[in-house]
């Protein structure tokens, strides 16, 4: 049976209309669900950010206040750990060049650090340098923009090549931690006891890797110090400010020590183990005999007068002469052997197994 063409066209139109109606219904239901979701959250505004953790929480380590109190009482301001967001400073060595050469270096100074490279060092040195630089960037500038983190990394690498500081990245980052006089406060104030946030640590590691690969953040120039807006350190007026990046103000030394020629210390590796340095072991001081006798006098054994000994105990401990029956033969020394057995011979073998 042959279906007419008109019937086929009619059925096609009906099916097309049904499909269109179904799609329209699905779109209407989806739009209604989306509108309900928007209406339900209309009063909430911007969704809340994830709860801060680690460094971003800005919570202080419980022992930090006690640590700073001990430092303030037992040490001078020159050796005390700096406040948060402030680097410490250090005494400069003697000028290695003449005054004329220093003046020429200042006139010809470019004011920009050379690219840093650790390619020639061992793999363990590269890994340790990356870990130490990442920790410094994270704990000192985790909330800073990328430029602020690069500026902090540039200060640390500038110090590595300056003869006034250690020649390793880890040595610069944890300098002074063995005596609670840290150059960077996070190494002494207990901040490292907090677990770092994973995203923040990865971001700091990326910035550290760029700096160690040769990236130079030129705006801070040859800065070796920085501090935040919130504090004014004692060395603020004795240095030259190079730039302001984020919340930090960056400074370099005046004169020859702030020129590019002064940054001549080569990097040869030898990175120490990452982390605060172990306090030096102080050898014990030997006490004098007089002090020992005063503190712990030796006990003296009591001595008994011979007149106070009772007669019954006067001869205790002396040799007792054996009786005549057991006296030794003439010419033989007396012995202390027990007397001969009194058991008969027929009973001597009693108790032994019979074979």
Foldseek 3Di string as FASTA:
>chain_A
DDDDPVVVVVVVVVVVVVVVVVVVVVVVVVVVVVVVVCVVCVVVPDDDDPDDFALVNVDFDVCLVVLQVCCVVPHDPLQAADDAQWFHDFDDDDDPDDPVVLVVLVVPFPLAAFFAEDVPEDPVLVVQLLVLQLVLLLNRPLPFPLLVSLVSSQLLCLQLLAVRFPVGSLRQSQPSLLPNRGRHRCQRRVSVVTDDDPVSSVSSSVSSVCRNHGDTSGQQGSFNIKGFPVDDDPCNVQWAWRDDGGRMTTTAHPTSSRGNVNSHRDHHGPDDHHGHDHHDDDDDDDDDPVVCCVVDNDDDDDDDDLVPDDPVCNCPPPDDQDDPVQHDDPPDDDDDDDDDDPDDPVCPCPPPDDD
